[in-house]
C-alpha cells in the first residue's frame, strides 16, 4: 500500500513538472549569434542556443551539435511566446 502511494505521489509530481508553465514578465533578450564548431559528422544537426529563465534572470544556454533520435527527424527550436500575462518558453523538441 505504501509503495503504491509513493508511486502515485511520484507520478503526480512528474505530471505537474511536465505541464507547469513558468510565466516571465520581462521580455527575453535577443538571441545570441553563436560561432559553430564543425559538426562531429554529417549525421549531426545544430541545436541553436536559447535564453532560459533561471528564476531571477535570463541565462544563455549555448547551442550544440546533436544526432537526431531517428531517421528524418527534424529539430523544432526553443522559442518564447508572448501571452496576456507575460512570456512562456516553448521547449525545443524533435519532430
Protein backbone atom coordinates (compact mmCIF):
# COMPACT_ATOMS: atom_id res chain seq x y z
CA UNK A 1 0.00 0.00 0.00
CA UNK A 2 2.77 2.45 0.91
CA UNK A 3 4.70 1.63 -2.28
CA UNK A 4 1.56 2.31 -4.31
CA UNK A 5 1.05 5.65 -2.55
CA UNK A 6 4.69 6.65 -3.10
CA UNK A 7 4.35 5.73 -6.79
CA UNK A 8 1.21 7.85 -7.09
CA UNK A 9 2.89 10.85 -5.46
CA UNK A 10 5.95 10.47 -7.72
CA UNK A 11 3.79 10.15 -10.86
CA UNK A 12 1.80 13.25 -9.85
CA UNK A 13 4.99 15.23 -9.34
CA UNK A 14 6.28 14.21 -12.78
CA UNK A 15 2.97 15.16 -14.40
CA UNK A 16 2.91 18.53 -12.66
CA UNK A 17 6.50 19.38 -13.55
CA UNK A 18 5.94 18.42 -17.20
CA UNK A 19 2.79 20.53 -17.55
CA UNK A 20 3.59 23.54 -15.35
CA UNK A 21 4.43 26.72 -17.21
CA UNK A 22 6.65 29.48 -15.92
CA UNK A 23 5.41 32.91 -16.93
CA UNK A 24 8.10 35.60 -17.07
CA UNK A 25 7.05 39.25 -17.02
CA UNK A 26 10.29 40.50 -18.60
CA UNK A 27 10.74 40.28 -22.37
CA UNK A 28 13.51 37.80 -23.34
CA UNK A 29 16.74 39.27 -24.74
CA UNK A 30 17.64 38.96 -28.41
CA UNK A 31 19.11 35.65 -29.48
CA UNK A 32 22.90 35.46 -29.24
CA UNK A 33 24.75 34.85 -32.51
CA UNK A 34 26.94 31.83 -31.94
CA UNK A 35 30.01 30.61 -33.77
CA UNK A 36 29.57 26.93 -34.56
CA UNK A 37 32.37 24.43 -34.49
CA UNK A 38 32.32 21.94 -37.37
CA UNK A 39 29.85 19.06 -36.84
CA UNK A 40 31.25 15.79 -35.48
CA UNK A 41 29.86 14.07 -38.59
CA UNK A 42 27.31 14.73 -41.32
CA UNK A 43 24.69 12.90 -39.21
CA UNK A 44 24.54 15.74 -36.66
CA UNK A 45 22.12 18.67 -36.55
CA UNK A 46 22.78 22.07 -34.96
CA UNK A 47 20.52 22.82 -31.98
CA UNK A 48 20.53 26.60 -31.54
CA UNK A 49 21.15 28.14 -28.16
CA UNK A 50 18.36 29.92 -26.28
CA UNK A 51 17.69 32.06 -23.23
CA UNK A 52 16.19 30.18 -20.31
CA UNK A 53 14.74 31.70 -17.15
CA UNK A 54 16.71 30.70 -14.03
CA UNK A 55 14.17 32.13 -11.56
CA UNK A 56 15.83 35.55 -11.34
CA UNK A 57 17.11 36.42 -14.81
CA UNK A 58 17.58 35.08 -18.30
CA UNK A 59 20.61 32.84 -18.78
CA UNK A 60 22.02 31.80 -22.15
CA UNK A 61 22.13 28.09 -22.92
CA UNK A 62 24.65 27.57 -25.75
CA UNK A 63 23.83 25.64 -28.89
CA UNK A 64 25.25 22.21 -29.65
CA UNK A 65 25.50 19.54 -32.29
CA UNK A 66 23.20 16.58 -31.69
CA UNK A 67 22.34 13.39 -33.52
CA UNK A 68 18.62 13.06 -34.36
CA UNK A 69 16.88 10.29 -32.42
CA UNK A 70 15.54 8.69 -35.62
CA UNK A 71 15.77 8.98 -39.39
CA UNK A 72 14.05 12.01 -40.94
CA UNK A 73 13.56 13.71 -37.57
CA UNK A 74 13.99 17.46 -37.53
CA UNK A 75 14.55 19.89 -34.68
CA UNK A 76 11.91 22.46 -33.73
CA UNK A 77 13.77 25.25 -31.92
CA UNK A 78 13.04 26.65 -28.46
CA UNK A 79 11.02 29.85 -28.60
CA UNK A 80 9.44 32.37 -26.27
CA UNK A 81 5.78 33.17 -26.88
CA UNK A 82 4.01 36.23 -25.56
CA UNK A 83 0.73 35.77 -23.73
CA UNK A 84 -1.53 38.17 -21.91
CA UNK A 85 0.27 37.65 -18.59
CA UNK A 86 3.88 37.50 -19.86
CA UNK A 87 6.36 35.31 -21.74
CA UNK A 88 6.36 31.49 -21.78
CA UNK A 89 9.15 29.24 -23.09
CA UNK A 90 8.06 26.59 -25.57
CA UNK A 91 10.74 23.90 -25.28
CA UNK A 92 12.55 22.72 -28.38
CA UNK A 93 11.84 19.17 -29.48
CA UNK A 94 12.37 16.60 -32.21
CA UNK A 95 9.56 16.13 -34.68
